[in-house]
Amino acid sequence: KAAGKEFIIVDAPLLFESGAEKLCDKILAVITPLPVRLERIIRRDNIDREMALSRIRAQQEDAYYTERSDACLRGDEDPGELRRQAAALLERWRR
């Protein structure tokens, strides 16, 4: 606020686990179905399916995040549509 910024957006996969949600005024969860998450992790990290599944299994269930968040968007949307929905949400929060 002192720097004149209206929003600060933090990408924090372990936001709740770290306790950092206490620093946030609003929280948006982006939830993606398992098949899409699996494909993205394999491609992004160049790992095999079993390693990617192991990482996913170490994470909380989607409800853990959605129940603690102010809003939720689906991460399997077209990237342009996801950006549009996020922009609309930020506009609502701005008001």
PDB file of N, CA and C in Angstrom:
ATOM      1  N   LYS A   1       0.828  -1.195   0.000  1.00  0.00           N
ATOM      2  CA  LYS A   1       0.000   0.000   0.000  1.00  0.00           C
ATOM      3  C   LYS A   1       0.867   1.251   0.000  1.00  0.00           C
ATOM      4  N   ALA A   2       1.954   1.222   0.767  1.00  0.00           N
ATOM      5  CA  ALA A   2       2.846   2.376   0.835  1.00  0.00           C
ATOM      6  C   ALA A   2       3.468   2.675  -0.525  1.00  0.00           C
ATOM      7  N   ALA A   3       3.641   1.641  -1.349  1.00  0.00           N
ATOM      8  CA  ALA A   3       4.227   1.822  -2.674  1.00  0.00           C
ATOM      9  C   ALA A   3       3.166   2.140  -3.721  1.00  0.00           C
ATOM     10  N   GLY A   4       1.921   2.285  -3.288  1.00  0.00           N
ATOM     11  CA  GLY A   4       0.856   2.618  -4.218  1.00  0.00           C
ATOM     12  C   GLY A   4       0.306   1.439  -4.995  1.00  0.00           C
ATOM     13  N   LYS A   5       0.565   0.246  -4.538  1.00  0.00           N
ATOM     14  CA  LYS A   5       0.070  -0.954  -5.224  1.00  0.00           C
ATOM     15  C   LYS A   5      -1.299  -1.326  -4.687  1.00  0.00           C
ATOM     16  N   GLU A   6      -2.181  -1.674  -5.597  1.00  0.00           N
ATOM     17  CA  GLU A   6      -3.538  -2.035  -5.202  1.00  0.00           C
ATOM     18  C   GLU A   6      -3.623  -3.491  -4.752  1.00  0.00           C
ATOM     19  N   PHE A   7      -2.874  -4.363  -5.422  1.00  0.00           N
ATOM     20  CA  PHE A   7      -2.868  -5.783  -5.110  1.00  0.00           C
ATOM     21  C   PHE A   7      -1.449  -6.301  -5.060  1.00  0.00           C
ATOM     22  N   ILE A   8      -1.259  -7.298  -4.250  1.00  0.00           N
ATOM     23  CA  ILE A   8      -0.044  -8.106  -4.298  1.00  0.00           C
ATOM     24  C   ILE A   8      -0.525  -9.537  -4.446  1.00  0.00           C
ATOM     25  N   ILE A   9      -0.087 -10.195  -5.491  1.00  0.00           N
ATOM     26  CA  ILE A   9      -0.508 -11.571  -5.757  1.00  0.00           C
ATOM     27  C   ILE A   9       0.650 -12.493  -5.443  1.00  0.00           C
ATOM     28  N   VAL A  10       0.353 -13.509  -4.645  1.00  0.00           N
ATOM     29  CA  VAL A  10       1.371 -14.472  -4.218  1.00  0.00           C
ATOM     30  C   VAL A  10       0.967 -15.845  -4.720  1.00  0.00           C
ATOM     31  N   ASP A  11       1.840 -16.502  -5.443  1.00  0.00           N
ATOM     32  CA  ASP A  11       1.631 -17.884  -5.874  1.00  0.00           C
ATOM     33  C   ASP A  11       2.293 -18.755  -4.816  1.00  0.00           C
ATOM     34  N   ALA A  12       1.478 -19.354  -3.965  1.00  0.00           N
ATOM     35  CA  ALA A  12       2.019 -20.075  -2.808  1.00  0.00           C
ATOM     36  C   ALA A  12       1.353 -21.442  -2.665  1.00  0.00           C
ATOM     37  N   PRO A  13       1.923 -22.478  -3.273  1.00  0.00           N
ATOM     38  CA  PRO A  13       1.330 -23.807  -3.176  1.00  0.00           C
ATOM     39  C   PRO A  13       1.146 -24.304  -1.739  1.00  0.00           C
ATOM     40  N   LEU A  14       1.970 -23.855  -0.828  1.00  0.00           N
ATOM     41  CA  LEU A  14       1.878 -24.296   0.575  1.00  0.00           C
ATOM     42  C   LEU A  14       1.411 -23.155   1.483  1.00  0.00           C
ATOM     43  N   LEU A  15       0.529 -22.316   0.969  1.00  0.00           N
ATOM     44  CA  LEU A  15       0.058 -21.148   1.707  1.00  0.00           C
ATOM     45  C   LEU A  15      -0.498 -21.519   3.079  1.00  0.00           C
ATOM     46  N   PHE A  16      -1.428 -22.468   3.116  1.00  0.00           N
ATOM     47  CA  PHE A  16      -2.068 -22.837   4.377  1.00  0.00           C
ATOM     48  C   PHE A  16      -1.128 -23.647   5.272  1.00  0.00           C
ATOM     49  N   GLU A  17      -0.372 -24.535   4.668  1.00  0.00           N
ATOM     50  CA  GLU A  17       0.544 -25.371   5.439  1.00  0.00           C
ATOM     51  C   GLU A  17       1.611 -24.531   6.135  1.00  0.00           C
ATOM     52  N   SER A  18       1.975 -23.413   5.514  1.00  0.00           N
ATOM     53  CA  SER A  18       3.012 -22.548   6.093  1.00  0.00           C
ATOM     54  C   SER A  18       2.449 -21.524   7.075  1.00  0.00           C
ATOM     55  N   GLY A  19       1.125 -21.365   7.093  1.00  0.00           N
ATOM     56  CA  GLY A  19       0.502 -20.358   7.944  1.00  0.00           C
ATOM     57  C   GLY A  19       0.475 -18.975   7.325  1.00  0.00           C
ATOM     58  N   ALA A  20       0.944 -18.841   6.084  1.00  0.00           N
ATOM     59  CA  ALA A  20       1.033 -17.540   5.432  1.00  0.00           C
ATOM     60  C   ALA A  20      -0.325 -16.976   5.028  1.00  0.00           C
ATOM     61  N   GLU A  21      -1.388 -17.784   5.101  1.00  0.00           N
ATOM     62  CA  GLU A  21      -2.715 -17.257   4.772  1.00  0.00           C
ATOM     63  C   GLU A  21      -3.106 -16.118   5.705  1.00  0.00           C
ATOM     64  N   LYS A  22      -2.481 -16.055   6.862  1.00  0.00           N
ATOM     65  CA  LYS A  22      -2.764 -14.981   7.817  1.00  0.00           C
ATOM     66  C   LYS A  22      -2.344 -13.616   7.274  1.00  0.00           C
ATOM     67  N   LEU A  23      -1.469 -13.605   6.292  1.00  0.00           N
ATOM     68  CA  LEU A  23      -0.992 -12.365   5.688  1.00  0.00           C
ATOM     69  C   LEU A  23      -1.887 -11.887   4.546  1.00  0.00           C
ATOM     70  N   CYS A  24      -2.891 -12.688   4.186  1.00  0.00           N
ATOM     71  CA  CYS A  24      -3.703 -12.416   3.001  1.00  0.00           C
ATOM     72  C   CYS A  24      -5.079 -11.873   3.365  1.00  0.00           C
ATOM     73  N   ASP A  25      -5.542 -10.906   2.586  1.00  0.00           N
ATOM     74  CA  ASP A  25      -6.900 -10.399   2.731  1.00  0.00           C
ATOM     75  C   ASP A  25      -7.902 -11.285   2.003  1.00  0.00           C
ATOM     76  N   LYS A  26      -7.508 -11.801   0.858  1.00  0.00           N
ATOM     77  CA  LYS A  26      -8.343 -12.683   0.037  1.00  0.00           C
ATOM     78  C   LYS A  26      -7.483 -13.826  -0.486  1.00  0.00           C
ATOM     79  N   ILE A  27      -8.124 -14.982  -0.661  1.00  0.00           N
ATOM     80  CA  ILE A  27      -7.394 -16.147  -1.158  1.00  0.00           C
ATOM     81  C   ILE A  27      -8.180 -16.781  -2.296  1.00  0.00           C
ATOM     82  N   LEU A  28      -7.489 -17.013  -3.402  1.00  0.00           N
ATOM     83  CA  LEU A  28      -8.048 -17.675  -4.570  1.00  0.00           C
ATOM     84  C   LEU A  28      -7.366 -19.025  -4.723  1.00  0.00           C
ATOM     85  N   ALA A  29      -8.152 -20.083  -4.796  1.00  0.00           N
ATOM     86  CA  ALA A  29      -7.623 -21.412  -5.084  1.00  0.00           C
ATOM     87  C   ALA A  29      -7.879 -21.716  -6.552  1.00  0.00           C
ATOM     88  N   VAL A  30      -6.890 -22.278  -7.217  1.00  0.00           N
ATOM     89  CA  VAL A  30      -7.061 -22.746  -8.585  1.00  0.00           C
ATOM     90  C   VAL A  30      -6.944 -24.270  -8.524  1.00  0.00           C
ATOM     91  N   ILE A  31      -8.034 -24.937  -8.822  1.00  0.00           N
ATOM     92  CA  ILE A  31      -8.124 -26.386  -8.719  1.00  0.00           C
ATOM     93  C   ILE A  31      -8.153 -26.986 -10.115  1.00  0.00           C
ATOM     94  N   THR A  32      -7.336 -28.010 -10.315  1.00  0.00           N
ATOM     95  CA  THR A  32      -7.235 -28.656 -11.618  1.00  0.00           C
ATOM     96  C   THR A  32      -7.476 -30.152 -11.455  1.00  0.00           C
ATOM     97  N   PRO A  33      -8.286 -30.761 -12.322  1.00  0.00           N
ATOM     98  CA  PRO A  33      -8.542 -32.194 -12.227  1.00  0.00           C
ATOM     99  C   PRO A  33      -7.263 -33.023 -12.351  1.00  0.00           C
ATOM    100  N   LEU A  34      -7.265 -34.163 -11.715  1.00  0.00           N
ATOM    101  CA  LEU A  34      -6.082 -35.029 -11.650  1.00  0.00           C
ATOM    102  C   LEU A  34      -5.448 -35.314 -13.010  1.00  0.00           C
ATOM    103  N   PRO A  35      -6.194 -35.722 -14.031  1.00  0.00           N
ATOM    104  CA  PRO A  35      -5.526 -36.032 -15.309  1.00  0.00           C
ATOM    105  C   PRO A  35      -4.756 -34.844 -15.890  1.00  0.00           C
ATOM    106  N   VAL A  36      -5.303 -33.658 -15.758  1.00  0.00           N
ATOM    107  CA  VAL A  36      -4.638 -32.463 -16.281  1.00  0.00           C
ATOM    108  C   VAL A  36      -3.403 -32.144 -15.435  1.00  0.00           C
ATOM    109  N   ARG A  37      -3.541 -32.223 -14.112  1.00  0.00           N
ATOM    110  CA  ARG A  37      -2.395 -31.976 -13.223  1.00  0.00           C
ATOM    111  C   ARG A  37      -1.266 -32.949 -13.532  1.00  0.00           C
ATOM    112  N   LEU A  38      -1.628 -34.211 -13.683  1.00  0.00           N
ATOM    113  CA  LEU A  38      -0.634 -35.249 -13.952  1.00  0.00           C
ATOM    114  C   LEU A  38       0.132 -34.950 -15.233  1.00  0.00           C
ATOM    115  N   GLU A  39      -0.590 -34.650 -16.288  1.00  0.00           N
ATOM    116  CA  GLU A  39       0.038 -34.341 -17.580  1.00  0.00           C
ATOM    117  C   GLU A  39       0.961 -33.128 -17.471  1.00  0.00           C
ATOM    118  N   ARG A  40       0.512 -32.087 -16.786  1.00  0.00           N
ATOM    119  CA  ARG A  40       1.319 -30.869 -16.657  1.00  0.00           C
ATOM    120  C   ARG A  40       2.594 -31.104 -15.862  1.00  0.00           C
ATOM    121  N   ILE A  41       2.496 -31.865 -14.777  1.00  0.00           N
ATOM    122  CA  ILE A  41       3.683 -32.138 -13.953  1.00  0.00           C
ATOM    123  C   ILE A  41       4.697 -32.951 -14.740  1.00  0.00           C
ATOM    124  N   ILE A  42       4.227 -33.976 -15.435  1.00  0.00           N
ATOM    125  CA  ILE A  42       5.126 -34.822 -16.231  1.00  0.00           C
ATOM    126  C   ILE A  42       5.860 -33.976 -17.269  1.00  0.00           C
ATOM    127  N   ARG A  43       5.111 -33.137 -17.973  1.00  0.00           N
ATOM    128  CA  ARG A  43       5.697 -32.299 -19.027  1.00  0.00           C
ATOM    129  C   ARG A  43       6.627 -31.230 -18.443  1.00  0.00           C
ATOM    130  N   ARG A  44       6.165 -30.560 -17.390  1.00  0.00           N
ATOM    131  CA  ARG A  44       6.949 -29.458 -16.809  1.00  0.00           C
ATOM    132  C   ARG A  44       8.261 -29.938 -16.203  1.00  0.00           C
ATOM    133  N   ASP A  45       8.187 -31.044 -15.438  1.00  0.00           N
ATOM    134  CA  ASP A  45       9.359 -31.494 -14.688  1.00  0.00           C
ATOM    135  C   ASP A  45      10.123 -32.629 -15.358  1.00  0.00           C
ATOM    136  N   ASN A  46       9.621 -33.072 -16.517  1.00  0.00           N
ATOM    137  CA  ASN A  46      10.262 -34.154 -17.260  1.00  0.00           C
ATOM    138  C   ASN A  46      10.481 -35.384 -16.363  1.00  0.00           C
ATOM    139  N   ILE A  47       9.403 -35.810 -15.697  1.00  0.00           N
ATOM    140  CA  ILE A  47       9.461 -36.985 -14.824  1.00  0.00           C
ATOM    141  C   ILE A  47       8.443 -38.017 -15.300  1.00  0.00           C
ATOM    142  N   ASP A  48       8.569 -39.239 -14.781  1.00  0.00           N
ATOM    143  CA  ASP A  48       7.629 -40.277 -15.197  1.00  0.00           C
ATOM    144  C   ASP A  48       6.317 -40.172 -14.416  1.00  0.00           C
ATOM    145  N   ARG A  49       5.352 -40.939 -14.862  1.00  0.00           N
ATOM    146  CA  ARG A  49       4.006 -40.893 -14.301  1.00  0.00           C
ATOM    147  C   ARG A  49       3.999 -41.228 -12.806  1.00  0.00           C
ATOM    148  N   GLU A  50       4.733 -42.238 -12.402  1.00  0.00           N
ATOM    149  CA  GLU A  50       4.744 -42.649 -10.991  1.00  0.00           C
ATOM    150  C   GLU A  50       5.308 -41.560 -10.083  1.00  0.00           C
ATOM    151  N   MET A  51       6.352 -40.883 -10.526  1.00  0.00           N
ATOM    152  CA  MET A  51       6.923 -39.792  -9.734  1.00  0.00           C
ATOM    153  C   MET A  51       5.923 -38.650  -9.625  1.00  0.00           C
ATOM    154  N   ALA A  52       5.257 -38.341 -10.720  1.00  0.00           N
ATOM    155  CA  ALA A  52       4.255 -37.275 -10.703  1.00  0.00           C
ATOM    156  C   ALA A  52       3.098 -37.647  -9.777  1.00  0.00           C
ATOM    157  N   LEU A  53       2.637 -38.883  -9.838  1.00  0.00           N
ATOM    158  CA  LEU A  53       1.565 -39.335  -8.945  1.00  0.00           C
ATOM    159  C   LEU A  53       1.996 -39.270  -7.485  1.00  0.00           C
ATOM    160  N   SER A  54       3.234 -39.593  -7.229  1.00  0.00           N
ATOM    161  CA  SER A  54       3.753 -39.521  -5.862  1.00  0.00           C
ATOM    162  C   SER A  54       3.680 -38.090  -5.336  1.00  0.00           C
ATOM    163  N   ARG A  55       4.016 -37.132  -6.154  1.00  0.00           N
ATOM    164  CA  ARG A  55       3.938 -35.727  -5.745  1.00  0.00           C
ATOM    165  C   ARG A  55       2.490 -35.315  -5.475  1.00  0.00           C
ATOM    166  N   ILE A  56       1.606 -35.727  -6.355  1.00  0.00           N
ATOM    167  CA  ILE A  56       0.193 -35.380  -6.196  1.00  0.00           C
ATOM    168  C   ILE A  56      -0.373 -35.997  -4.924  1.00  0.00           C
ATOM    169  N   ARG A  57      -0.026 -37.243  -4.654  1.00  0.00           N
ATOM    170  CA  ARG A  57      -0.529 -37.919  -3.446  1.00  0.00           C
ATOM    171  C   ARG A  57      -0.030 -37.266  -2.165  1.00  0.00           C
ATOM    172  N   ALA A  58       1.082 -36.571  -2.231  1.00  0.00           N
ATOM    173  CA  ALA A  58       1.631 -35.893  -1.051  1.00  0.00           C
ATOM    174  C   ALA A  58       0.885 -34.592  -0.751  1.00  0.00           C
ATOM    175  N   GLN A  59       0.040 -34.157  -1.676  1.00  0.00           N
ATOM    176  CA  GLN A  59      -0.701 -32.906  -1.509  1.00  0.00           C
ATOM    177  C   GLN A  59      -2.044 -33.160  -0.831  1.00  0.00           C
ATOM    178  N   GLN A  60      -2.609 -32.101  -0.306  1.00  0.00           N
ATOM    179  CA  GLN A  60      -3.940 -32.168   0.299  1.00  0.00           C
ATOM    180  C   GLN A  60      -4.996 -32.377  -0.786  1.00  0.00           C
ATOM    181  N   GLU A  61      -6.160 -32.845  -0.377  1.00  0.00           N
ATOM    182  CA  GLU A  61      -7.300 -32.956  -1.292  1.00  0.00           C
ATOM    183  C   GLU A  61      -7.768 -31.550  -1.684  1.00  0.00           C
ATOM    184  N   ASP A  62      -8.443 -31.442  -2.813  1.00  0.00           N
ATOM    185  CA  ASP A  62      -8.934 -30.145  -3.289  1.00  0.00           C
ATOM    186  C   ASP A  62      -9.773 -29.423  -2.242  1.00  0.00           C
ATOM    187  N   ALA A  63     -10.609 -30.142  -1.523  1.00  0.00           N
ATOM    188  CA  ALA A  63     -11.498 -29.522  -0.528  1.00  0.00           C
ATOM    189  C   ALA A  63     -10.720 -28.781   0.548  1.00  0.00           C
ATOM    190  N   TYR A  64      -9.541 -29.244   0.854  1.00  0.00           N
ATOM    191  CA  TYR A  64      -8.704 -28.571   1.849  1.00  0.00           C
ATOM    192  C   TYR A  64      -8.479 -27.114   1.446  1.00  0.00           C
ATOM    193  N   TYR A  65      -8.253 -26.911   0.159  1.00  0.00           N
ATOM    194  CA  TYR A  65      -7.981 -25.566  -0.352  1.00  0.00           C
ATOM    195  C   TYR A  65      -9.272 -24.779  -0.602  1.00  0.00           C
ATOM    196  N   THR A  66     -10.260 -25.419  -1.198  1.00  0.00           N
ATOM    197  CA  THR A  66     -11.483 -24.691  -1.538  1.00  0.00           C
ATOM    198  C   THR A  66     -12.232 -24.239  -0.292  1.00  0.00           C
ATOM    199  N   GLU A  67     -12.219 -25.036   0.760  1.00  0.00           N
ATOM    200  CA  GLU A  67     -12.916 -24.668   1.994  1.00  0.00           C
ATOM    201  C   GLU A  67     -12.243 -23.509   2.723  1.00  0.00           C
ATOM    202  N   ARG A  68     -10.979 -23.285   2.466  1.00  0.00           N
ATOM    203  CA  ARG A  68     -10.225 -22.232   3.146  1.00  0.00           C
ATOM    204  C   ARG A  68     -10.057 -20.977   2.299  1.00  0.00           C
ATOM    205  N   SER A  69     -10.542 -21.020   1.070  1.00  0.00           N
ATOM    206  CA  SER A  69     -10.341 -19.918   0.130  1.00  0.00           C
ATOM    207  C   SER A  69     -11.607 -19.089  -0.029  1.00  0.00           C
ATOM    208  N   ASP A  70     -11.420 -17.846  -0.452  1.00  0.00           N
ATOM    209  CA  ASP A  70     -12.544 -16.947  -0.695  1.00  0.00           C
ATOM    210  C   ASP A  70     -13.196 -17.203  -2.046  1.00  0.00           C
ATOM    211  N   ALA A  71     -12.436 -17.759  -2.968  1.00  0.00           N
ATOM    212  CA  ALA A  71     -12.948 -18.056  -4.309  1.00  0.00           C
ATOM    213  C   ALA A  71     -12.128 -19.197  -4.889  1.00  0.00           C
ATOM    214  N   CYS A  72     -12.705 -19.835  -5.903  1.00  0.00           N
ATOM    215  CA  CYS A  72     -12.027 -20.957  -6.544  1.00  0.00           C
ATOM    216  C   CYS A  72     -12.274 -20.885  -8.049  1.00  0.00           C
ATOM    217  N   LEU A  73     -11.224 -21.112  -8.820  1.00  0.00           N
ATOM    218  CA  LEU A  73     -11.333 -21.206 -10.276  1.00  0.00           C
ATOM    219  C   LEU A  73     -10.802 -22.570 -10.696  1.00  0.00           C
ATOM    220  N   ARG A  74     -11.252 -23.011 -11.857  1.00  0.00           N
ATOM    221  CA  ARG A  74     -10.798 -24.302 -12.397  1.00  0.00           C
ATOM    222  C   ARG A  74      -9.586 -24.073 -13.293  1.00  0.00           C
ATOM    223  N   GLY A  75      -8.527 -24.814 -13.020  1.00  0.00           N
ATOM    224  CA  GLY A  75      -7.289 -24.674 -13.772  1.00  0.00           C
ATOM    225  C   GLY A  75      -7.258 -25.441 -15.074  1.00  0.00           C
ATOM    226  N   ASP A  76      -8.352 -26.121 -15.433  1.00  0.00           N
ATOM    227  CA  ASP A  76      -8.371 -26.829 -16.711  1.00  0.00           C
ATOM    228  C   ASP A  76      -9.044 -26.010 -17.801  1.00  0.00           C
ATOM    229  N   GLU A  77      -9.408 -24.786 -17.472  1.00  0.00           N
ATOM    230  CA  GLU A  77      -9.985 -23.880 -18.467  1.00  0.00           C
ATOM    231  C   GLU A  77      -8.907 -23.490 -19.475  1.00  0.00           C
ATOM    232  N   ASP A  78      -9.347 -23.022 -20.619  1.00  0.00           N
ATOM    233  CA  ASP A  78      -8.436 -22.427 -21.588  1.00  0.00           C
ATOM    234  C   ASP A  78      -7.682 -21.304 -20.870  1.00  0.00           C
ATOM    235  N   PRO A  79      -6.367 -21.179 -21.052  1.00  0.00           N
ATOM    236  CA  PRO A  79      -5.620 -20.138 -20.335  1.00  0.00           C
ATOM    237  C   PRO A  79      -6.211 -18.735 -20.484  1.00  0.00           C
ATOM    238  N   GLY A  80      -6.708 -18.401 -21.657  1.00  0.00           N
ATOM    239  CA  GLY A  80      -7.321 -17.091 -21.852  1.00  0.00           C
ATOM    240  C   GLY A  80      -8.585 -16.945 -21.018  1.00  0.00           C
ATOM    241  N   GLU A  81      -9.378 -17.996 -20.945  1.00  0.00           N
ATOM    242  CA  GLU A  81     -10.599 -17.971 -20.140  1.00  0.00           C
ATOM    243  C   GLU A  81     -10.272 -17.885 -18.657  1.00  0.00           C
ATOM    244  N   LEU A  82      -9.253 -18.598 -18.234  1.00  0.00           N
ATOM    245  CA  LEU A  82      -8.832 -18.535 -16.832  1.00  0.00           C
ATOM    246  C   LEU A  82      -8.372 -17.120 -16.476  1.00  0.00           C
ATOM    247  N   ARG A  83      -7.610 -16.481 -17.351  1.00  0.00           N
ATOM    248  CA  ARG A  83      -7.182 -15.098 -17.119  1.00  0.00           C
ATOM    249  C   ARG A  83      -8.386 -14.156 -17.048  1.00  0.00           C
ATOM    250  N   ARG A  84      -9.370 -14.369 -17.928  1.00  0.00           N
ATOM    251  CA  ARG A  84     -10.568 -13.539 -17.926  1.00  0.00           C
ATOM    252  C   ARG A  84     -11.328 -13.692 -16.612  1.00  0.00           C
ATOM    253  N   GLN A  85     -11.479 -14.926 -16.151  1.00  0.00           N
ATOM    254  CA  GLN A  85     -12.178 -15.162 -14.897  1.00  0.00           C
ATOM    255  C   GLN A  85     -11.416 -14.565 -13.710  1.00  0.00           C
ATOM    256  N   ALA A  86     -10.104 -14.693 -13.724  1.00  0.00           N
ATOM    257  CA  ALA A  86      -9.290 -14.126 -12.643  1.00  0.00           C
ATOM    258  C   ALA A  86      -9.385 -12.599 -12.651  1.00  0.00           C
ATOM    259  N   ALA A  87      -9.361 -11.998 -13.821  1.00  0.00           N
ATOM    260  CA  ALA A  87      -9.483 -10.535 -13.915  1.00  0.00           C
ATOM    261  C   ALA A  87     -10.847 -10.071 -13.413  1.00  0.00           C
ATOM    262  N   ALA A  88     -11.894 -10.810 -13.751  1.00  0.00           N
ATOM    263  CA  ALA A  88     -13.236 -10.450 -13.278  1.00  0.00           C
ATOM    264  C   ALA A  88     -13.319 -10.578 -11.761  1.00  0.00           C
ATOM    265  N   LEU A  89     -12.707 -11.598 -11.218  1.00  0.00           N
ATOM    266  CA  LEU A  89     -12.699 -11.783  -9.769  1.00  0.00           C
ATOM    267  C   LEU A  89     -11.939 -10.645  -9.087  1.00  0.00           C
ATOM    268  N   LEU A  90     -10.784 -10.275  -9.609  1.00  0.00           N
ATOM    269  CA  LEU A  90     -10.021  -9.160  -9.022  1.00  0.00           C
ATOM    270  C   LEU A  90     -10.829  -7.863  -9.075  1.00  0.00           C
ATOM    271  N   GLU A  91     -11.572  -7.669 -10.168  1.00  0.00           N
ATOM    272  CA  GLU A  91     -12.406  -6.467 -10.278  1.00  0.00           C
ATOM    273  C   GLU A  91     -13.497  -6.471  -9.192  1.00  0.00           C
ATOM    274  N   ARG A  92     -14.104  -7.627  -8.964  1.00  0.00           N
ATOM    275  CA  ARG A  92     -15.126  -7.710  -7.889  1.00  0.00           C
ATOM    276  C   ARG A  92     -14.486  -7.431  -6.534  1.00  0.00           C
ATOM    277  N   TRP A  93     -13.328  -8.004  -6.292  1.00  0.00           N
ATOM    278  CA  TRP A  93     -12.639  -7.790  -5.017  1.00  0.00           C
ATOM    279  C   TRP A  93     -12.206  -6.343  -4.864  1.00  0.00           C
ATOM    280  N   ARG A  94     -11.883  -5.681  -5.956  1.00  0.00           N
ATOM    281  CA  ARG A  94     -11.466  -4.279  -5.919  1.00  0.00           C
ATOM    282  C   ARG A  94     -12.595  -3.410  -5.369  1.00  0.00           C
ATOM    283  N   ARG A  95     -13.812  -3.745  -5.727  1.00  0.00           N
ATOM    284  CA  ARG A  95     -14.976  -2.957  -5.289  1.00  0.00           C
ATOM    285  C   ARG A  95     -15.217  -3.258  -3.853  1.00  0.00           C
TER     286      ARG A  95
END
